[in-house]
Amino acid sequence: MQIPNPVRRVVFWSVLVLAGVVGYRTLRSPDGLPALREKWNQIREMEEQNAAIQRENDYRRDRIKKLESDTTEQELEIRKKLKLLRPGETSFILPAVPQKAEPAHDGSAAASQPPAAR
């Protein structure tokens, strides 16, 4: 038995519309496009972190090679770590910069002003 042509059309369009509605609701759900965007953002952040770590590793690898091969670099590093000086050298230790105190905002400043300024 063959299904009449108009009935086939209605069934076809009904299935197509139903698939469209299910697809739309799936994409708009919390597990759809918003979750996909969040995953893309996480991937981008992790790629940036990996690139930064790779740059740091390259820098440290080059620094180790310099320290292994250059005695001058070794001496500078040792002197810096142990705070050693050669005879005749002078080391200057600067005092820490004091932080400025923040003014109090409790209304006491208005009370200390002259009456004409209030």
PDB file of N, CA and C in Angstrom:
ATOM      1  N   MET A   1       0.841  -1.179   0.000  1.00  0.00           N
ATOM      2  CA  MET A   1       0.000   0.000   0.000  1.00  0.00           C
ATOM      3  C   MET A   1       0.886   1.241   0.000  1.00  0.00           C
ATOM      4  N   GLN A   2       0.586   2.154  -0.860  1.00  0.00           N
ATOM      5  CA  GLN A   2       1.348   3.392  -1.017  1.00  0.00           C
ATOM      6  C   GLN A   2       0.643   4.513  -0.251  1.00  0.00           C
ATOM      7  N   ILE A   3       1.477   5.330   0.468  1.00  0.00           N
ATOM      8  CA  ILE A   3       0.924   6.459   1.216  1.00  0.00           C
ATOM      9  C   ILE A   3       0.670   7.602   0.231  1.00  0.00           C
ATOM     10  N   PRO A   4      -0.483   8.255   0.349  1.00  0.00           N
ATOM     11  CA  PRO A   4      -0.783   9.372  -0.579  1.00  0.00           C
ATOM     12  C   PRO A   4       0.258  10.483  -0.450  1.00  0.00           C
ATOM     13  N   ASN A   5       0.474  11.169  -1.546  1.00  0.00           N
ATOM     14  CA  ASN A   5       1.486  12.211  -1.642  1.00  0.00           C
ATOM     15  C   ASN A   5       1.294  13.343  -0.618  1.00  0.00           C
ATOM     16  N   PRO A   6       0.075  13.894  -0.402  1.00  0.00           N
ATOM     17  CA  PRO A   6      -0.090  14.977   0.592  1.00  0.00           C
ATOM     18  C   PRO A   6       0.246  14.512   2.011  1.00  0.00           C
ATOM     19  N   VAL A   7      -0.057  13.259   2.336  1.00  0.00           N
ATOM     20  CA  VAL A   7       0.240  12.752   3.684  1.00  0.00           C
ATOM     21  C   VAL A   7       1.746  12.635   3.864  1.00  0.00           C
ATOM     22  N   ARG A   8       2.435  12.193   2.844  1.00  0.00           N
ATOM     23  CA  ARG A   8       3.901  12.100   2.912  1.00  0.00           C
ATOM     24  C   ARG A   8       4.518  13.471   3.120  1.00  0.00           C
ATOM     25  N   ARG A   9       3.981  14.478   2.429  1.00  0.00           N
ATOM     26  CA  ARG A   9       4.493  15.848   2.599  1.00  0.00           C
ATOM     27  C   ARG A   9       4.313  16.333   4.030  1.00  0.00           C
ATOM     28  N   VAL A  10       3.128  16.109   4.589  1.00  0.00           N
ATOM     29  CA  VAL A  10       2.839  16.549   5.957  1.00  0.00           C
ATOM     30  C   VAL A  10       3.761  15.833   6.940  1.00  0.00           C
ATOM     31  N   VAL A  11       3.944  14.547   6.770  1.00  0.00           N
ATOM     32  CA  VAL A  11       4.828  13.789   7.651  1.00  0.00           C
ATOM     33  C   VAL A  11       6.261  14.298   7.504  1.00  0.00           C
ATOM     34  N   PHE A  12       6.702  14.518   6.264  1.00  0.00           N
ATOM     35  CA  PHE A  12       8.066  15.019   6.028  1.00  0.00           C
ATOM     36  C   PHE A  12       8.280  16.363   6.722  1.00  0.00           C
ATOM     37  N   TRP A  13       7.364  17.308   6.533  1.00  0.00           N
ATOM     38  CA  TRP A  13       7.519  18.631   7.129  1.00  0.00           C
ATOM     39  C   TRP A  13       7.375  18.572   8.655  1.00  0.00           C
ATOM     40  N   SER A  14       6.529  17.689   9.139  1.00  0.00           N
ATOM     41  CA  SER A  14       6.388  17.545  10.592  1.00  0.00           C
ATOM     42  C   SER A  14       7.682  17.039  11.209  1.00  0.00           C
ATOM     43  N   VAL A  15       8.271  16.039  10.581  1.00  0.00           N
ATOM     44  CA  VAL A  15       9.542  15.512  11.080  1.00  0.00           C
ATOM     45  C   VAL A  15      10.626  16.576  10.993  1.00  0.00           C
ATOM     46  N   LEU A  16      10.670  17.317   9.912  1.00  0.00           N
ATOM     47  CA  LEU A  16      11.665  18.375   9.740  1.00  0.00           C
ATOM     48  C   LEU A  16      11.503  19.467  10.792  1.00  0.00           C
ATOM     49  N   VAL A  17      10.259  19.899  11.033  1.00  0.00           N
ATOM     50  CA  VAL A  17      10.008  20.935  12.044  1.00  0.00           C
ATOM     51  C   VAL A  17      10.350  20.399  13.426  1.00  0.00           C
ATOM     52  N   LEU A  18       9.966  19.167  13.723  1.00  0.00           N
ATOM     53  CA  LEU A  18      10.281  18.568  15.020  1.00  0.00           C
ATOM     54  C   LEU A  18      11.786  18.485  15.226  1.00  0.00           C
ATOM     55  N   ALA A  19      12.514  18.071  14.195  1.00  0.00           N
ATOM     56  CA  ALA A  19      13.978  18.010  14.296  1.00  0.00           C
ATOM     57  C   ALA A  19      14.554  19.408  14.511  1.00  0.00           C
ATOM     58  N   GLY A  20      14.000  20.405  13.842  1.00  0.00           N
ATOM     59  CA  GLY A  20      14.461  21.785  14.024  1.00  0.00           C
ATOM     60  C   GLY A  20      14.225  22.284  15.433  1.00  0.00           C
ATOM     61  N   VAL A  21      13.052  21.993  15.975  1.00  0.00           N
ATOM     62  CA  VAL A  21      12.730  22.431  17.347  1.00  0.00           C
ATOM     63  C   VAL A  21      13.635  21.733  18.353  1.00  0.00           C
ATOM     64  N   VAL A  22      13.832  20.435  18.193  1.00  0.00           N
ATOM     65  CA  VAL A  22      14.705  19.695  19.113  1.00  0.00           C
ATOM     66  C   VAL A  22      16.139  20.214  18.995  1.00  0.00           C
ATOM     67  N   GLY A  23      16.607  20.458  17.777  1.00  0.00           N
ATOM     68  CA  GLY A  23      17.959  20.994  17.579  1.00  0.00           C
ATOM     69  C   GLY A  23      18.114  22.369  18.202  1.00  0.00           C
ATOM     70  N   TYR A  24      17.129  23.242  18.009  1.00  0.00           N
ATOM     71  CA  TYR A  24      17.172  24.591  18.573  1.00  0.00           C
ATOM     72  C   TYR A  24      17.202  24.536  20.096  1.00  0.00           C
ATOM     73  N   ARG A  25      16.322  23.726  20.695  1.00  0.00           N
ATOM     74  CA  ARG A  25      16.281  23.631  22.151  1.00  0.00           C
ATOM     75  C   ARG A  25      17.562  23.031  22.712  1.00  0.00           C
ATOM     76  N   THR A  26      18.134  22.079  21.977  1.00  0.00           N
ATOM     77  CA  THR A  26      19.387  21.462  22.429  1.00  0.00           C
ATOM     78  C   THR A  26      20.517  22.480  22.404  1.00  0.00           C
ATOM     79  N   LEU A  27      20.587  23.276  21.348  1.00  0.00           N
ATOM     80  CA  LEU A  27      21.660  24.270  21.250  1.00  0.00           C
ATOM     81  C   LEU A  27      21.487  25.397  22.258  1.00  0.00           C
ATOM     82  N   ARG A  28      20.245  25.753  22.573  1.00  0.00           N
ATOM     83  CA  ARG A  28      19.997  26.849  23.509  1.00  0.00           C
ATOM     84  C   ARG A  28      20.027  26.402  24.964  1.00  0.00           C
ATOM     85  N   SER A  29      20.079  25.124  25.225  1.00  0.00           N
ATOM     86  CA  SER A  29      20.101  24.623  26.605  1.00  0.00           C
ATOM     87  C   SER A  29      21.451  24.951  27.240  1.00  0.00           C
ATOM     88  N   PRO A  30      21.566  24.856  28.561  1.00  0.00           N
ATOM     89  CA  PRO A  30      22.843  25.128  29.230  1.00  0.00           C
ATOM     90  C   PRO A  30      23.980  24.233  28.755  1.00  0.00           C
ATOM     91  N   ASP A  31      23.653  23.050  28.255  1.00  0.00           N
ATOM     92  CA  ASP A  31      24.686  22.143  27.758  1.00  0.00           C
ATOM     93  C   ASP A  31      24.959  22.339  26.279  1.00  0.00           C
ATOM     94  N   GLY A  32      24.352  23.338  25.653  1.00  0.00           N
ATOM     95  CA  GLY A  32      24.513  23.563  24.221  1.00  0.00           C
ATOM     96  C   GLY A  32      25.611  24.562  23.907  1.00  0.00           C
ATOM     97  N   LEU A  33      25.240  25.629  23.200  1.00  0.00           N
ATOM     98  CA  LEU A  33      26.213  26.640  22.772  1.00  0.00           C
ATOM     99  C   LEU A  33      26.918  27.350  23.927  1.00  0.00           C
ATOM    100  N   PRO A  34      26.224  27.711  25.025  1.00  0.00           N
ATOM    101  CA  PRO A  34      26.958  28.348  26.129  1.00  0.00           C
ATOM    102  C   PRO A  34      28.073  27.459  26.683  1.00  0.00           C
ATOM    103  N   ALA A  35      27.802  26.171  26.809  1.00  0.00           N
ATOM    104  CA  ALA A  35      28.835  25.258  27.312  1.00  0.00           C
ATOM    105  C   ALA A  35      29.975  25.146  26.302  1.00  0.00           C
ATOM    106  N   LEU A  36      29.641  25.141  25.018  1.00  0.00           N
ATOM    107  CA  LEU A  36      30.665  25.067  23.980  1.00  0.00           C
ATOM    108  C   LEU A  36      31.563  26.302  24.010  1.00  0.00           C
ATOM    109  N   ARG A  37      30.940  27.484  24.161  1.00  0.00           N
ATOM    110  CA  ARG A  37      31.726  28.724  24.261  1.00  0.00           C
ATOM    111  C   ARG A  37      32.639  28.697  25.473  1.00  0.00           C
ATOM    112  N   GLU A  38      32.128  28.199  26.596  1.00  0.00           N
ATOM    113  CA  GLU A  38      32.927  28.111  27.820  1.00  0.00           C
ATOM    114  C   GLU A  38      34.120  27.180  27.620  1.00  0.00           C
ATOM    115  N   LYS A  39      33.905  26.065  26.957  1.00  0.00           N
ATOM    116  CA  LYS A  39      35.008  25.131  26.675  1.00  0.00           C
ATOM    117  C   LYS A  39      36.045  25.787  25.776  1.00  0.00           C
ATOM    118  N   TRP A  40      35.603  26.544  24.770  1.00  0.00           N
ATOM    119  CA  TRP A  40      36.548  27.246  23.891  1.00  0.00           C
ATOM    120  C   TRP A  40      37.376  28.246  24.680  1.00  0.00           C
ATOM    121  N   ASN A  41      36.719  28.971  25.602  1.00  0.00           N
ATOM    122  CA  ASN A  41      37.448  29.928  26.443  1.00  0.00           C
ATOM    123  C   ASN A  41      38.463  29.221  27.327  1.00  0.00           C
ATOM    124  N   GLN A  42      38.077  28.083  27.885  1.00  0.00           N
ATOM    125  CA  GLN A  42      39.008  27.319  28.718  1.00  0.00           C
ATOM    126  C   GLN A  42      40.197  26.832  27.893  1.00  0.00           C
ATOM    127  N   ILE A  43      39.932  26.380  26.684  1.00  0.00           N
ATOM    128  CA  ILE A  43      41.018  25.913  25.813  1.00  0.00           C
ATOM    129  C   ILE A  43      41.969  27.059  25.502  1.00  0.00           C
ATOM    130  N   ARG A  44      41.418  28.237  25.175  1.00  0.00           N
ATOM    131  CA  ARG A  44      42.256  29.400  24.861  1.00  0.00           C
ATOM    132  C   ARG A  44      43.111  29.798  26.058  1.00  0.00           C
ATOM    133  N   GLU A  45      42.517  29.818  27.264  1.00  0.00           N
ATOM    134  CA  GLU A  45      43.268  30.174  28.469  1.00  0.00           C
ATOM    135  C   GLU A  45      44.388  29.170  28.737  1.00  0.00           C
ATOM    136  N   MET A  46      44.085  27.893  28.558  1.00  0.00           N
ATOM    137  CA  MET A  46      45.103  26.869  28.798  1.00  0.00           C
ATOM    138  C   MET A  46      46.222  26.945  27.762  1.00  0.00           C
ATOM    139  N   GLU A  47      45.877  27.271  26.521  1.00  0.00           N
ATOM    140  CA  GLU A  47      46.917  27.439  25.503  1.00  0.00           C
ATOM    141  C   GLU A  47      47.821  28.615  25.843  1.00  0.00           C
ATOM    142  N   GLU A  48      47.226  29.715  26.354  1.00  0.00           N
ATOM    143  CA  GLU A  48      48.033  30.863  26.770  1.00  0.00           C
ATOM    144  C   GLU A  48      48.939  30.494  27.942  1.00  0.00           C
ATOM    145  N   GLN A  49      48.403  29.742  28.904  1.00  0.00           N
ATOM    146  CA  GLN A  49      49.214  29.302  30.047  1.00  0.00           C
ATOM    147  C   GLN A  49      50.349  28.400  29.579  1.00  0.00           C
ATOM    148  N   ASN A  50      50.044  27.493  28.654  1.00  0.00           N
ATOM    149  CA  ASN A  50      51.082  26.603  28.127  1.00  0.00           C
ATOM    150  C   ASN A  50      52.175  27.393  27.422  1.00  0.00           C
ATOM    151  N   ALA A  51      51.792  28.419  26.656  1.00  0.00           N
ATOM    152  CA  ALA A  51      52.781  29.234  25.956  1.00  0.00           C
ATOM    153  C   ALA A  51      53.665  29.975  26.962  1.00  0.00           C
ATOM    154  N   ALA A  52      53.056  30.502  28.027  1.00  0.00           N
ATOM    155  CA  ALA A  52      53.834  31.213  29.046  1.00  0.00           C
ATOM    156  C   ALA A  52      54.795  30.251  29.755  1.00  0.00           C
ATOM    157  N   ILE A  53      54.325  29.064  30.058  1.00  0.00           N
ATOM    158  CA  ILE A  53      55.182  28.069  30.720  1.00  0.00           C
ATOM    159  C   ILE A  53      56.316  27.655  29.789  1.00  0.00           C
ATOM    160  N   GLN A  54      56.013  27.511  28.503  1.00  0.00           N
ATOM    161  CA  GLN A  54      57.048  27.142  27.536  1.00  0.00           C
ATOM    162  C   GLN A  54      58.125  28.236  27.439  1.00  0.00           C
ATOM    163  N   ARG A  55      57.690  29.510  27.432  1.00  0.00           N
ATOM    164  CA  ARG A  55      58.663  30.615  27.403  1.00  0.00           C
ATOM    165  C   ARG A  55      59.539  30.599  28.650  1.00  0.00           C
ATOM    166  N   GLU A  56      58.912  30.353  29.801  1.00  0.00           N
ATOM    167  CA  GLU A  56      59.677  30.293  31.052  1.00  0.00           C
ATOM    168  C   GLU A  56      60.666  29.126  31.029  1.00  0.00           C
ATOM    169  N   ASN A  57      60.236  27.986  30.520  1.00  0.00           N
ATOM    170  CA  ASN A  57      61.131  26.824  30.424  1.00  0.00           C
ATOM    171  C   ASN A  57      62.307  27.122  29.495  1.00  0.00           C
ATOM    172  N   ASP A  58      62.037  27.767  28.366  1.00  0.00           N
ATOM    173  CA  ASP A  58      63.110  28.125  27.437  1.00  0.00           C
ATOM    174  C   ASP A  58      64.114  29.072  28.098  1.00  0.00           C
ATOM    175  N   TYR A  59      63.575  30.065  28.824  1.00  0.00           N
ATOM    176  CA  TYR A  59      64.453  31.017  29.515  1.00  0.00           C
ATOM    177  C   TYR A  59      65.330  30.289  30.529  1.00  0.00           C
ATOM    178  N   ARG A  60      64.722  29.412  31.320  1.00  0.00           N
ATOM    179  CA  ARG A  60      65.485  28.690  32.348  1.00  0.00           C
ATOM    180  C   ARG A  60      66.496  27.738  31.725  1.00  0.00           C
ATOM    181  N   ARG A  61      66.137  27.096  30.619  1.00  0.00           N
ATOM    182  CA  ARG A  61      67.067  26.200  29.937  1.00  0.00           C
ATOM    183  C   ARG A  61      68.280  26.989  29.433  1.00  0.00           C
ATOM    184  N   ASP A  62      68.024  28.171  28.852  1.00  0.00           N
ATOM    185  CA  ASP A  62      69.135  29.019  28.390  1.00  0.00           C
ATOM    186  C   ASP A  62      69.981  29.497  29.561  1.00  0.00           C
ATOM    187  N   ARG A  63      69.338  29.841  30.658  1.00  0.00           N
ATOM    188  CA  ARG A  63      70.073  30.306  31.851  1.00  0.00           C
ATOM    189  C   ARG A  63      70.969  29.190  32.391  1.00  0.00           C
ATOM    190  N   ILE A  64      70.461  27.972  32.421  1.00  0.00           N
ATOM    191  CA  ILE A  64      71.263  26.830  32.899  1.00  0.00           C
ATOM    192  C   ILE A  64      72.460  26.604  31.985  1.00  0.00           C
ATOM    193  N   LYS A  65      72.237  26.695  30.675  1.00  0.00           N
ATOM    194  CA  LYS A  65      73.351  26.518  29.732  1.00  0.00           C
ATOM    195  C   LYS A  65      74.417  27.590  29.948  1.00  0.00           C
ATOM    196  N   LYS A  66      73.980  28.837  30.174  1.00  0.00           N
ATOM    197  CA  LYS A  66      74.940  29.915  30.436  1.00  0.00           C
ATOM    198  C   LYS A  66      75.728  29.629  31.709  1.00  0.00           C
ATOM    199  N   LEU A  67      75.027  29.196  32.745  1.00  0.00           N
ATOM    200  CA  LEU A  67      75.712  28.929  34.015  1.00  0.00           C
ATOM    201  C   LEU A  67      76.666  27.747  33.905  1.00  0.00           C
ATOM    202  N   GLU A  68      76.329  26.759  33.079  1.00  0.00           N
ATOM    203  CA  GLU A  68      77.212  25.607  32.910  1.00  0.00           C
ATOM    204  C   GLU A  68      78.471  25.965  32.127  1.00  0.00           C
ATOM    205  N   SER A  69      78.352  26.883  31.184  1.00  0.00           N
ATOM    206  CA  SER A  69      79.476  27.126  30.279  1.00  0.00           C
ATOM    207  C   SER A  69      80.277  28.392  30.593  1.00  0.00           C
ATOM    208  N   ASP A  70      79.690  29.361  31.265  1.00  0.00           N
ATOM    209  CA  ASP A  70      80.352  30.649  31.467  1.00  0.00           C
ATOM    210  C   ASP A  70      80.698  30.828  32.945  1.00  0.00           C
ATOM    211  N   THR A  71      81.992  30.875  33.234  1.00  0.00           N
ATOM    212  CA  THR A  71      82.428  31.024  34.635  1.00  0.00           C
ATOM    213  C   THR A  71      82.072  32.403  35.185  1.00  0.00           C
ATOM    214  N   THR A  72      82.028  33.400  34.333  1.00  0.00           N
ATOM    215  CA  THR A  72      81.655  34.742  34.791  1.00  0.00           C
ATOM    216  C   THR A  72      80.210  34.740  35.287  1.00  0.00           C
ATOM    217  N   GLU A  73      79.331  34.093  34.537  1.00  0.00           N
ATOM    218  CA  GLU A  73      77.932  33.995  34.961  1.00  0.00           C
ATOM    219  C   GLU A  73      77.824  33.224  36.273  1.00  0.00           C
ATOM    220  N   GLN A  74      78.614  32.169  36.403  1.00  0.00           N
ATOM    221  CA  GLN A  74      78.609  31.390  37.639  1.00  0.00           C
ATOM    222  C   GLN A  74      79.014  32.261  38.819  1.00  0.00           C
ATOM    223  N   GLU A  75      80.086  33.019  38.620  1.00  0.00           N
ATOM    224  CA  GLU A  75      80.581  33.878  39.699  1.00  0.00           C
ATOM    225  C   GLU A  75      79.542  34.926  40.083  1.00  0.00           C
ATOM    226  N   LEU A  76      78.924  35.562  39.081  1.00  0.00           N
ATOM    227  CA  LEU A  76      77.906  36.576  39.378  1.00  0.00           C
ATOM    228  C   LEU A  76      76.721  35.973  40.136  1.00  0.00           C
ATOM    229  N   GLU A  77      76.306  34.791  39.728  1.00  0.00           N
ATOM    230  CA  GLU A  77      75.173  34.138  40.397  1.00  0.00           C
ATOM    231  C   GLU A  77      75.530  33.785  41.832  1.00  0.00           C
ATOM    232  N   ILE A  78      76.717  33.248  42.054  1.00  0.00           N
ATOM    233  CA  ILE A  78      77.148  32.888  43.404  1.00  0.00           C
ATOM    234  C   ILE A  78      77.266  34.129  44.278  1.00  0.00           C
ATOM    235  N   ARG A  79      77.849  35.169  43.736  1.00  0.00           N
ATOM    236  CA  ARG A  79      78.010  36.411  44.513  1.00  0.00           C
ATOM    237  C   ARG A  79      76.648  37.012  44.852  1.00  0.00           C
ATOM    238  N   LYS A  80      75.718  36.930  43.920  1.00  0.00           N
ATOM    239  CA  LYS A  80      74.387  37.477  44.161  1.00  0.00           C
ATOM    240  C   LYS A  80      73.655  36.659  45.234  1.00  0.00           C
ATOM    241  N   LYS A  81      73.717  35.333  45.130  1.00  0.00           N
ATOM    242  CA  LYS A  81      73.001  34.476  46.090  1.00  0.00           C
ATOM    243  C   LYS A  81      73.598  34.571  47.496  1.00  0.00           C
ATOM    244  N   LEU A  82      74.935  34.582  47.571  1.00  0.00           N
ATOM    245  CA  LEU A  82      75.595  34.594  48.876  1.00  0.00           C
ATOM    246  C   LEU A  82      75.914  35.996  49.364  1.00  0.00           C
ATOM    247  N   LYS A  83      75.593  37.002  48.551  1.00  0.00           N
ATOM    248  CA  LYS A  83      75.845  38.415  48.880  1.00  0.00           C
ATOM    249  C   LYS A  83      77.314  38.646  49.228  1.00  0.00           C
ATOM    250  N   LEU A  84      78.185  38.138  48.360  1.00  0.00           N
ATOM    251  CA  LEU A  84      79.623  38.283  48.549  1.00  0.00           C
ATOM    252  C   LEU A  84      80.137  39.469  47.748  1.00  0.00           C
ATOM    253  N   LEU A  85      81.225  40.075  48.237  1.00  0.00           N
ATOM    254  CA  LEU A  85      81.868  41.194  47.554  1.00  0.00           C
ATOM    255  C   LEU A  85      83.334  40.864  47.333  1.00  0.00           C
ATOM    256  N   ARG A  86      83.866  41.415  46.277  1.00  0.00           N
ATOM    257  CA  ARG A  86      85.298  41.304  46.041  1.00  0.00           C
ATOM    258  C   ARG A  86      86.017  42.336  46.910  1.00  0.00           C
ATOM    259  N   PRO A  87      87.295  42.137  47.164  1.00  0.00           N
ATOM    260  CA  PRO A  87      88.031  43.142  47.935  1.00  0.00           C
ATOM    261  C   PRO A  87      87.997  44.484  47.201  1.00  0.00           C
ATOM    262  N   GLY A  88      87.661  45.526  47.933  1.00  0.00           N
ATOM    263  CA  GLY A  88      87.608  46.862  47.359  1.00  0.00           C
ATOM    264  C   GLY A  88      86.217  47.251  46.864  1.00  0.00           C
ATOM    265  N   GLU A  89      85.296  46.331  46.770  1.00  0.00           N
ATOM    266  CA  GLU A  89      83.943  46.660  46.334  1.00  0.00           C
ATOM    267  C   GLU A  89      83.127  47.150  47.524  1.00  0.00           C
ATOM    268  N   THR A  90      82.160  48.009  47.243  1.00  0.00           N
ATOM    269  CA  THR A  90      81.287  48.538  48.281  1.00  0.00           C
ATOM    270  C   THR A  90      79.850  48.196  47.921  1.00  0.00           C
ATOM    271  N   SER A  91      79.096  47.765  48.893  1.00  0.00           N
ATOM    272  CA  SER A  91      77.692  47.436  48.686  1.00  0.00           C
ATOM    273  C   SER A  91      76.846  48.483  49.382  1.00  0.00           C
ATOM    274  N   PHE A  92      75.819  48.960  48.691  1.00  0.00           N
ATOM    275  CA  PHE A  92      74.904  49.941  49.261  1.00  0.00           C
ATOM    276  C   PHE A  92      73.563  49.274  49.499  1.00  0.00           C
ATOM    277  N   ILE A  93      73.076  49.400  50.712  1.00  0.00           N
ATOM    278  CA  ILE A  93      71.759  48.861  51.066  1.00  0.00           C
ATOM    279  C   ILE A  93      70.858  50.056  51.302  1.00  0.00           C
ATOM    280  N   LEU A  94      69.863  50.180  50.461  1.00  0.00           N
ATOM    281  CA  LEU A  94      68.944  51.304  50.551  1.00  0.00           C
ATOM    282  C   LEU A  94      67.797  50.965  51.491  1.00  0.00           C
ATOM    283  N   PRO A  95      67.322  51.959  52.247  1.00  0.00           N
ATOM    284  CA  PRO A  95      66.195  51.690  53.151  1.00  0.00           C
ATOM    285  C   PRO A  95      64.913  51.479  52.345  1.00  0.00           C
ATOM    286  N   ALA A  96      64.006  50.741  52.932  1.00  0.00           N
ATOM    287  CA  ALA A  96      62.716  50.500  52.289  1.00  0.00           C
ATOM    288  C   ALA A  96      61.921  51.801  52.272  1.00  0.00           C
ATOM    289  N   VAL A  97      61.148  51.996  51.241  1.00  0.00           N
ATOM    290  CA  VAL A  97      60.332  53.198  51.121  1.00  0.00           C
ATOM    291  C   VAL A  97      59.108  53.029  52.010  1.00  0.00           C
ATOM    292  N   PRO A  98      58.899  53.966  52.971  1.00  0.00           N
ATOM    293  CA  PRO A  98      57.741  53.830  53.856  1.00  0.00           C
ATOM    294  C   PRO A  98      56.453  54.135  53.091  1.00  0.00           C
ATOM    295  N   GLN A  99      55.385  53.425  53.455  1.00  0.00           N
ATOM    296  CA  GLN A  99      54.095  53.666  52.819  1.00  0.00           C
ATOM    297  C   GLN A  99      53.387  54.785  53.550  1.00  0.00           C
ATOM    298  N   LYS A 100      52.685  55.619  52.785  1.00  0.00           N
ATOM    299  CA  LYS A 100      51.965  56.733  53.388  1.00  0.00           C
ATOM    300  C   LYS A 100      50.695  56.223  54.052  1.00  0.00           C
ATOM    301  N   ALA A 101      50.406  56.788  55.223  1.00  0.00           N
ATOM    302  CA  ALA A 101      49.199  56.405  55.949  1.00  0.00           C
ATOM    303  C   ALA A 101      47.989  57.042  55.278  1.00  0.00           C
ATOM    304  N   GLU A 102      46.903  56.296  55.177  1.00  0.00           N
ATOM    305  CA  GLU A 102      45.678  56.799  54.575  1.00  0.00           C
ATOM    306  C   GLU A 102      44.938  57.649  55.601  1.00  0.00           C
ATOM    307  N   PRO A 103      44.353  58.780  55.172  1.00  0.00           N
ATOM    308  CA  PRO A 103      43.592  59.607  56.124  1.00  0.00           C
ATOM    309  C   PRO A 103      42.298  58.900  56.530  1.00  0.00           C
ATOM    310  N   ALA A 104      41.898  59.152  57.769  1.00  0.00           N
ATOM    311  CA  ALA A 104      40.663  58.550  58.283  1.00  0.00           C
ATOM    312  C   ALA A 104      39.465  59.238  57.664  1.00  0.00           C
ATOM    313  N   HIS A 105      38.437  58.481  57.321  1.00  0.00           N
ATOM    314  CA  HIS A 105      37.210  59.028  56.726  1.00  0.00           C
ATOM    315  C   HIS A 105      36.030  58.814  57.659  1.00  0.00           C
ATOM    316  N   ASP A 106      36.216  59.183  58.934  1.00  0.00           N
ATOM    317  CA  ASP A 106      35.144  58.948  59.905  1.00  0.00           C
ATOM    318  C   ASP A 106      34.360  60.212  60.236  1.00  0.00           C
ATOM    319  N   GLY A 107      34.587  61.304  59.499  1.00  0.00           N
ATOM    320  CA  GLY A 107      33.862  62.541  59.746  1.00  0.00           C
ATOM    321  C   GLY A 107      34.561  63.453  60.717  1.00  0.00           C
ATOM    322  N   SER A 108      35.672  63.031  61.308  1.00  0.00           N
ATOM    323  CA  SER A 108      36.368  63.863  62.282  1.00  0.00           C
ATOM    324  C   SER A 108      37.033  65.059  61.609  1.00  0.00           C
ATOM    325  N   ALA A 109      37.308  64.995  60.321  1.00  0.00           N
ATOM    326  CA  ALA A 109      37.932  66.112  59.616  1.00  0.00           C
ATOM    327  C   ALA A 109      36.982  67.295  59.546  1.00  0.00           C
ATOM    328  N   ALA A 110      35.701  67.053  59.394  1.00  0.00           N
ATOM    329  CA  ALA A 110      34.728  68.146  59.334  1.00  0.00           C
ATOM    330  C   ALA A 110      34.612  68.834  60.682  1.00  0.00           C
ATOM    331  N   ALA A 111      34.759  68.078  61.749  1.00  0.00           N
ATOM    332  CA  ALA A 111      34.655  68.662  63.088  1.00  0.00           C
ATOM    333  C   ALA A 111      35.865  69.524  63.402  1.00  0.00           C
ATOM    334  N   SER A 112      37.023  69.267  62.801  1.00  0.00           N
ATOM    335  CA  SER A 112      38.218  70.025  63.108  1.00  0.00           C
ATOM    336  C   SER A 112      38.334  71.278  62.241  1.00  0.00           C
ATOM    337  N   GLN A 113      37.429  71.480  61.276  1.00  0.00           N
ATOM    338  CA  GLN A 113      37.481  72.670  60.434  1.00  0.00           C
ATOM    339  C   GLN A 113      36.875  73.853  61.187  1.00  0.00           C
ATOM    340  N   PRO A 114      37.317  75.054  60.813  1.00  0.00           N
ATOM    341  CA  PRO A 114      36.736  76.237  61.457  1.00  0.00           C
ATOM    342  C   PRO A 114      35.243  76.334  61.132  1.00  0.00           C
ATOM    343  N   PRO A 115      34.461  76.991  61.979  1.00  0.00           N
ATOM    344  CA  PRO A 115      33.015  77.096  61.768  1.00  0.00           C
ATOM    345  C   PRO A 115      32.646  77.756  60.446  1.00  0.00           C
ATOM    346  N   ALA A 116      33.481  78.680  59.952  1.00  0.00           N
ATOM    347  CA  ALA A 116      33.158  79.386  58.701  1.00  0.00           C
ATOM    348  C   ALA A 116      33.266  78.448  57.503  1.00  0.00           C
ATOM    349  N   ALA A 117      34.093  77.422  57.592  1.00  0.00           N
ATOM    350  CA  ALA A 117      34.281  76.519  56.457  1.00  0.00           C
ATOM    351  C   ALA A 117      33.208  75.440  56.389  1.00  0.00           C
ATOM    352  N   ARG A 118      32.407  75.298  57.443  1.00  0.00           N
ATOM    353  CA  ARG A 118      31.388  74.241  57.460  1.00  0.00           C
ATOM    354  C   ARG A 118      30.220  74.586  56.649  1.00  0.00           C
TER     355      ARG A 118
END
